[in-house]
Amino acid sequence: MSKEILRKRLIRIRKINFSDQRINFIQLKKILNKLNIKKNQNIGGYYPINCEIGSLDVLEKLERNKFKISLPVTKKNNIMDFYEWCFKKPLKVSNRGIPEPSTARKVFPDVLIVPLVGFDRNKFRLGYGGGFYDRYISRVSKFKKVITIGFAFSFQELQTVPINKFDQKLDIILTDKGIIK
């Protein structure tokens, strides 16, 4: 099955099955501790859209625990960068309809939380098809080790995600039901 067909099917299933579920903060904190991620390091998150699993409460708890938070800003030519943000600062809605920081301080996260349309046990992800995260991870990993953690509902798991040479494997996937390492 093609990525486009899988993507449409999974987004439809996600909309039907969506409930305001969130990732377990305690599980994420244990992962960060095991990976030796310390306070004041930067966590790149995402603002959930299109019935994605909730991430804002986790980001807020991370911020309260003295981690620095950043969110993506998309630009021309499907380029994406991360900019520092905190919950006290307003967001602006991009031309893609996604809330983004309006600050000018670009950062390179130590940990990148990635939204998923679908995933498999090999930790490959299916995204929306723009290649934003794959290009970002590929570009940044040339000069910095970034730990990638996908967030998803457990029902988004696939037997196999069709991949190509541009697709980036994640380090960990965290769902509402558990962890895939």
C-alpha atoms as a PDB file:
ATOM      1  CA  MET A   1       0.000   0.000   0.000  1.00  0.00           C
ATOM      2  CA  SER A   2       1.329   3.460  -0.862  1.00  0.00           C
ATOM      3  CA  LYS A   3       2.284   6.018   1.770  1.00  0.00           C
ATOM      4  CA  GLU A   4      -0.455   8.358   0.535  1.00  0.00           C
ATOM      5  CA  ILE A   5      -3.193   5.731   0.944  1.00  0.00           C
ATOM      6  CA  LEU A   6      -1.854   4.697   4.371  1.00  0.00           C
ATOM      7  CA  ARG A   7      -1.655   8.341   5.449  1.00  0.00           C
ATOM      8  CA  LYS A   8      -5.283   9.075   4.481  1.00  0.00           C
ATOM      9  CA  ARG A   9      -6.537   5.884   6.117  1.00  0.00           C
ATOM     10  CA  LEU A  10      -4.638   6.499   9.373  1.00  0.00           C
ATOM     11  CA  ILE A  11      -5.710  10.140   9.644  1.00  0.00           C
ATOM     12  CA  ARG A  12      -9.342   9.081   9.125  1.00  0.00           C
ATOM     13  CA  ILE A  13      -8.986   6.348  11.802  1.00  0.00           C
ATOM     14  CA  ARG A  14      -7.312   8.838  14.146  1.00  0.00           C
ATOM     15  CA  LYS A  15     -10.183  11.319  13.741  1.00  0.00           C
ATOM     16  CA  ILE A  16     -12.754   8.598  14.417  1.00  0.00           C
ATOM     17  CA  ASN A  17     -10.919   7.209  17.457  1.00  0.00           C
ATOM     18  CA  PHE A  18      -9.570  10.473  18.819  1.00  0.00           C
ATOM     19  CA  SER A  19      -9.987  11.135  22.487  1.00  0.00           C
ATOM     20  CA  ASP A  20      -8.058  13.627  24.503  1.00  0.00           C
ATOM     21  CA  GLN A  21      -5.366  11.095  25.379  1.00  0.00           C
ATOM     22  CA  ARG A  22      -1.887  12.146  26.292  1.00  0.00           C
ATOM     23  CA  ILE A  23       1.542  10.680  26.667  1.00  0.00           C
ATOM     24  CA  ASN A  24       2.426   9.588  30.191  1.00  0.00           C
ATOM     25  CA  PHE A  25       4.820  12.204  31.571  1.00  0.00           C
ATOM     26  CA  ILE A  26       6.352   9.779  34.074  1.00  0.00           C
ATOM     27  CA  GLN A  27       7.278   7.383  31.242  1.00  0.00           C
ATOM     28  CA  LEU A  28       8.876  10.217  29.270  1.00  0.00           C
ATOM     29  CA  LYS A  29      10.766  11.452  32.349  1.00  0.00           C
ATOM     30  CA  LYS A  30      12.160   7.940  32.931  1.00  0.00           C
ATOM     31  CA  ILE A  31      13.333   7.814  29.303  1.00  0.00           C
ATOM     32  CA  LEU A  32      15.013  11.206  29.617  1.00  0.00           C
ATOM     33  CA  ASN A  33      16.710  10.132  32.856  1.00  0.00           C
ATOM     34  CA  LYS A  34      18.009   6.902  31.262  1.00  0.00           C
ATOM     35  CA  LEU A  35      19.354   8.931  28.331  1.00  0.00           C
ATOM     36  CA  ASN A  36      21.039  11.326  30.779  1.00  0.00           C
ATOM     37  CA  ILE A  37      19.041  14.319  29.525  1.00  0.00           C
ATOM     38  CA  LYS A  38      19.411  17.008  32.177  1.00  0.00           C
ATOM     39  CA  LYS A  39      17.507  20.128  33.130  1.00  0.00           C
ATOM     40  CA  ASN A  40      18.195  23.164  30.954  1.00  0.00           C
ATOM     41  CA  GLN A  41      18.591  20.996  27.861  1.00  0.00           C
ATOM     42  CA  ASN A  42      16.290  21.815  24.973  1.00  0.00           C
ATOM     43  CA  ILE A  43      13.285  19.667  24.113  1.00  0.00           C
ATOM     44  CA  GLY A  44      11.789  20.290  20.682  1.00  0.00           C
ATOM     45  CA  GLY A  45       8.078  19.594  20.772  1.00  0.00           C
ATOM     46  CA  TYR A  46       5.099  20.118  18.520  1.00  0.00           C
ATOM     47  CA  TYR A  47       1.725  21.800  18.783  1.00  0.00           C
ATOM     48  CA  PRO A  48      -0.852  19.037  18.180  1.00  0.00           C
ATOM     49  CA  ILE A  49      -3.134  19.475  15.177  1.00  0.00           C
ATOM     50  CA  ASN A  50      -5.470  17.224  13.219  1.00  0.00           C
ATOM     51  CA  CYS A  51      -6.301  14.973  16.213  1.00  0.00           C
ATOM     52  CA  GLU A  52      -2.653  14.185  17.057  1.00  0.00           C
ATOM     53  CA  ILE A  53      -1.958  12.756  20.492  1.00  0.00           C
ATOM     54  CA  GLY A  54      -1.634  15.495  23.099  1.00  0.00           C
ATOM     55  CA  SER A  55       1.838  16.854  23.798  1.00  0.00           C
ATOM     56  CA  LEU A  56       1.254  20.260  25.368  1.00  0.00           C
ATOM     57  CA  ASP A  57       0.750  18.970  28.917  1.00  0.00           C
ATOM     58  CA  VAL A  58       4.042  17.041  28.681  1.00  0.00           C
ATOM     59  CA  LEU A  59       5.838  20.123  27.347  1.00  0.00           C
ATOM     60  CA  GLU A  60       4.366  22.233  30.136  1.00  0.00           C
ATOM     61  CA  LYS A  61       5.555  19.748  32.775  1.00  0.00           C
ATOM     62  CA  LEU A  62       8.993  19.660  31.161  1.00  0.00           C
ATOM     63  CA  GLU A  63       9.128  23.444  31.308  1.00  0.00           C
ATOM     64  CA  ARG A  64       8.122  23.399  34.991  1.00  0.00           C
ATOM     65  CA  ASN A  65      10.952  20.881  35.529  1.00  0.00           C
ATOM     66  CA  LYS A  66      13.441  23.436  34.130  1.00  0.00           C
ATOM     67  CA  PHE A  67      13.821  22.035  30.610  1.00  0.00           C
ATOM     68  CA  LYS A  68      13.926  24.520  27.745  1.00  0.00           C
ATOM     69  CA  ILE A  69      11.136  24.120  25.203  1.00  0.00           C
ATOM     70  CA  SER A  70      11.120  24.843  21.494  1.00  0.00           C
ATOM     71  CA  LEU A  71       8.553  24.454  18.730  1.00  0.00           C
ATOM     72  CA  PRO A  72       8.972  24.160  14.966  1.00  0.00           C
ATOM     73  CA  VAL A  73       8.548  26.991  12.484  1.00  0.00           C
ATOM     74  CA  THR A  74       8.043  26.003   8.860  1.00  0.00           C
ATOM     75  CA  LYS A  75       9.503  28.079   6.083  1.00  0.00           C
ATOM     76  CA  LYS A  76       9.666  28.145   2.298  1.00  0.00           C
ATOM     77  CA  ASN A  77      10.922  25.058   0.453  1.00  0.00           C
ATOM     78  CA  ASN A  78       9.638  22.756   3.220  1.00  0.00           C
ATOM     79  CA  ILE A  79      12.386  23.884   5.597  1.00  0.00           C
ATOM     80  CA  MET A  80      11.718  23.666   9.307  1.00  0.00           C
ATOM     81  CA  ASP A  81      13.677  25.033  12.252  1.00  0.00           C
ATOM     82  CA  PHE A  82      13.018  25.104  15.981  1.00  0.00           C
ATOM     83  CA  TYR A  83      12.646  28.275  18.021  1.00  0.00           C
ATOM     84  CA  GLU A  84      12.635  28.685  21.769  1.00  0.00           C
ATOM     85  CA  TRP A  85       9.236  29.080  23.346  1.00  0.00           C
ATOM     86  CA  CYS A  86       7.655  29.074  26.780  1.00  0.00           C
ATOM     87  CA  PHE A  87       4.034  28.835  27.811  1.00  0.00           C
ATOM     88  CA  LYS A  88       3.947  32.509  28.816  1.00  0.00           C
ATOM     89  CA  LYS A  89       4.704  33.586  25.242  1.00  0.00           C
ATOM     90  CA  PRO A  90       2.029  33.873  22.552  1.00  0.00           C
ATOM     91  CA  LEU A  91       2.006  31.792  19.389  1.00  0.00           C
ATOM     92  CA  LYS A  92       1.123  32.943  15.891  1.00  0.00           C
ATOM     93  CA  VAL A  93      -0.754  30.793  13.416  1.00  0.00           C
ATOM     94  CA  SER A  94       1.315  29.983  10.328  1.00  0.00           C
ATOM     95  CA  ASN A  95       0.006  29.931   6.780  1.00  0.00           C
ATOM     96  CA  ARG A  96      -0.278  26.138   7.256  1.00  0.00           C
ATOM     97  CA  GLY A  97      -2.630  26.702  10.202  1.00  0.00           C
ATOM     98  CA  ILE A  98      -0.136  25.552  12.835  1.00  0.00           C
ATOM     99  CA  PRO A  99       0.603  27.635  15.951  1.00  0.00           C
ATOM    100  CA  GLU A 100       4.283  28.633  15.946  1.00  0.00           C
ATOM    101  CA  PRO A 101       6.567  30.705  18.190  1.00  0.00           C
ATOM    102  CA  SER A 102       7.008  34.312  17.166  1.00  0.00           C
ATOM    103  CA  THR A 103      10.438  34.572  18.791  1.00  0.00           C
ATOM    104  CA  ALA A 104      13.596  34.993  16.749  1.00  0.00           C
ATOM    105  CA  ARG A 105      15.925  32.693  18.724  1.00  0.00           C
ATOM    106  CA  LYS A 106      16.614  29.546  16.722  1.00  0.00           C
ATOM    107  CA  VAL A 107      17.753  26.525  18.735  1.00  0.00           C
ATOM    108  CA  PHE A 108      18.865  22.969  18.034  1.00  0.00           C
ATOM    109  CA  PRO A 109      16.994  20.627  20.400  1.00  0.00           C
ATOM    110  CA  ASP A 110      18.784  17.892  22.313  1.00  0.00           C
ATOM    111  CA  VAL A 111      15.602  15.820  22.186  1.00  0.00           C
ATOM    112  CA  LEU A 112      13.071  16.045  19.386  1.00  0.00           C
ATOM    113  CA  ILE A 113       9.479  14.951  20.030  1.00  0.00           C
ATOM    114  CA  VAL A 114       7.988  13.987  16.679  1.00  0.00           C
ATOM    115  CA  PRO A 115       4.280  13.664  15.813  1.00  0.00           C
ATOM    116  CA  LEU A 116       3.343  10.516  13.894  1.00  0.00           C
ATOM    117  CA  VAL A 117       0.602   9.588  11.455  1.00  0.00           C
ATOM    118  CA  GLY A 118       1.787   5.973  11.603  1.00  0.00           C
ATOM    119  CA  PHE A 119       4.758   3.931  12.834  1.00  0.00           C
ATOM    120  CA  ASP A 120       6.141   0.411  12.948  1.00  0.00           C
ATOM    121  CA  ARG A 121       8.177  -1.654  15.415  1.00  0.00           C
ATOM    122  CA  ASN A 122      11.350  -0.774  13.486  1.00  0.00           C
ATOM    123  CA  LYS A 123      10.730   2.839  14.608  1.00  0.00           C
ATOM    124  CA  PHE A 124      10.066   4.213  11.164  1.00  0.00           C
ATOM    125  CA  ARG A 125       7.359   6.838  10.954  1.00  0.00           C
ATOM    126  CA  LEU A 126       4.771   7.908   8.482  1.00  0.00           C
ATOM    127  CA  GLY A 127       4.253  11.666   8.562  1.00  0.00           C
ATOM    128  CA  TYR A 128       2.076  14.023   6.544  1.00  0.00           C
ATOM    129  CA  GLY A 129       4.257  13.696   3.451  1.00  0.00           C
ATOM    130  CA  GLY A 130       6.092  17.029   3.426  1.00  0.00           C
ATOM    131  CA  GLY A 131       9.376  15.571   4.662  1.00  0.00           C
ATOM    132  CA  PHE A 132       9.848  18.355   7.234  1.00  0.00           C
ATOM    133  CA  TYR A 133      11.013  16.126  10.096  1.00  0.00           C
ATOM    134  CA  ASP A 134      13.084  13.781   7.913  1.00  0.00           C
ATOM    135  CA  ARG A 135      14.971  16.712   6.399  1.00  0.00           C
ATOM    136  CA  TYR A 136      15.397  18.411   9.786  1.00  0.00           C
ATOM    137  CA  ILE A 137      16.737  15.279  11.504  1.00  0.00           C
ATOM    138  CA  SER A 138      19.076  14.553   8.586  1.00  0.00           C
ATOM    139  CA  ARG A 139      20.395  18.131   8.513  1.00  0.00           C
ATOM    140  CA  VAL A 140      20.904  18.551  12.273  1.00  0.00           C
ATOM    141  CA  SER A 141      22.385  15.087  12.858  1.00  0.00           C
ATOM    142  CA  LYS A 142      25.346  16.107  10.692  1.00  0.00           C
ATOM    143  CA  PHE A 143      26.590  18.383  13.491  1.00  0.00           C
ATOM    144  CA  LYS A 144      24.682  17.358  16.626  1.00  0.00           C
ATOM    145  CA  LYS A 145      23.324  14.203  18.212  1.00  0.00           C
ATOM    146  CA  VAL A 146      19.582  14.658  18.575  1.00  0.00           C
ATOM    147  CA  ILE A 147      17.461  12.021  20.298  1.00  0.00           C
ATOM    148  CA  THR A 148      14.179  11.463  18.452  1.00  0.00           C
ATOM    149  CA  ILE A 149      11.057  10.329  20.293  1.00  0.00           C
ATOM    150  CA  GLY A 150       7.839   9.769  18.346  1.00  0.00           C
ATOM    151  CA  PHE A 151       4.479  10.372  20.046  1.00  0.00           C
ATOM    152  CA  ALA A 152       1.452   8.419  18.797  1.00  0.00           C
ATOM    153  CA  PHE A 153      -1.707   6.562  19.699  1.00  0.00           C
ATOM    154  CA  SER A 154      -1.103   2.799  19.882  1.00  0.00           C
ATOM    155  CA  PHE A 155      -3.721   2.209  17.158  1.00  0.00           C
ATOM    156  CA  GLN A 156      -1.485   4.073  14.682  1.00  0.00           C
ATOM    157  CA  GLU A 157       0.954   1.140  14.616  1.00  0.00           C
ATOM    158  CA  LEU A 158       1.443  -0.529  11.242  1.00  0.00           C
ATOM    159  CA  GLN A 159       2.973  -3.877  10.360  1.00  0.00           C
ATOM    160  CA  THR A 160       5.529  -2.059   8.181  1.00  0.00           C
ATOM    161  CA  VAL A 161       5.939   1.565   7.142  1.00  0.00           C
ATOM    162  CA  PRO A 162       7.012   1.849   3.503  1.00  0.00           C
ATOM    163  CA  ILE A 163      10.347   3.687   3.536  1.00  0.00           C
ATOM    164  CA  ASN A 164      12.744   5.322   1.122  1.00  0.00           C
ATOM    165  CA  LYS A 165      16.305   6.619   1.400  1.00  0.00           C
ATOM    166  CA  PHE A 166      15.138   9.928   2.929  1.00  0.00           C
ATOM    167  CA  ASP A 167      13.133   8.434   5.812  1.00  0.00           C
ATOM    168  CA  GLN A 168      14.755   8.823   9.227  1.00  0.00           C
ATOM    169  CA  LYS A 169      14.434   6.116  11.860  1.00  0.00           C
ATOM    170  CA  LEU A 170      13.417   7.334  15.318  1.00  0.00           C
ATOM    171  CA  ASP A 171      15.220   6.370  18.514  1.00  0.00           C
ATOM    172  CA  ILE A 172      12.089   5.682  20.584  1.00  0.00           C
ATOM    173  CA  ILE A 173       8.333   5.683  20.066  1.00  0.00           C
ATOM    174  CA  LEU A 174       6.097   6.460  23.023  1.00  0.00           C
ATOM    175  CA  THR A 175       2.377   5.700  22.775  1.00  0.00           C
ATOM    176  CA  ASP A 176      -0.585   5.902  25.105  1.00  0.00           C
ATOM    177  CA  LYS A 177       0.027   2.186  25.813  1.00  0.00           C
ATOM    178  CA  GLY A 178       3.804   1.932  26.118  1.00  0.00           C
ATOM    179  CA  ILE A 179       7.327   2.339  24.754  1.00  0.00           C
ATOM    180  CA  ILE A 180       8.989   0.959  21.633  1.00  0.00           C
ATOM    181  CA  LYS A 181      12.785   1.039  21.954  1.00  0.00           C
END
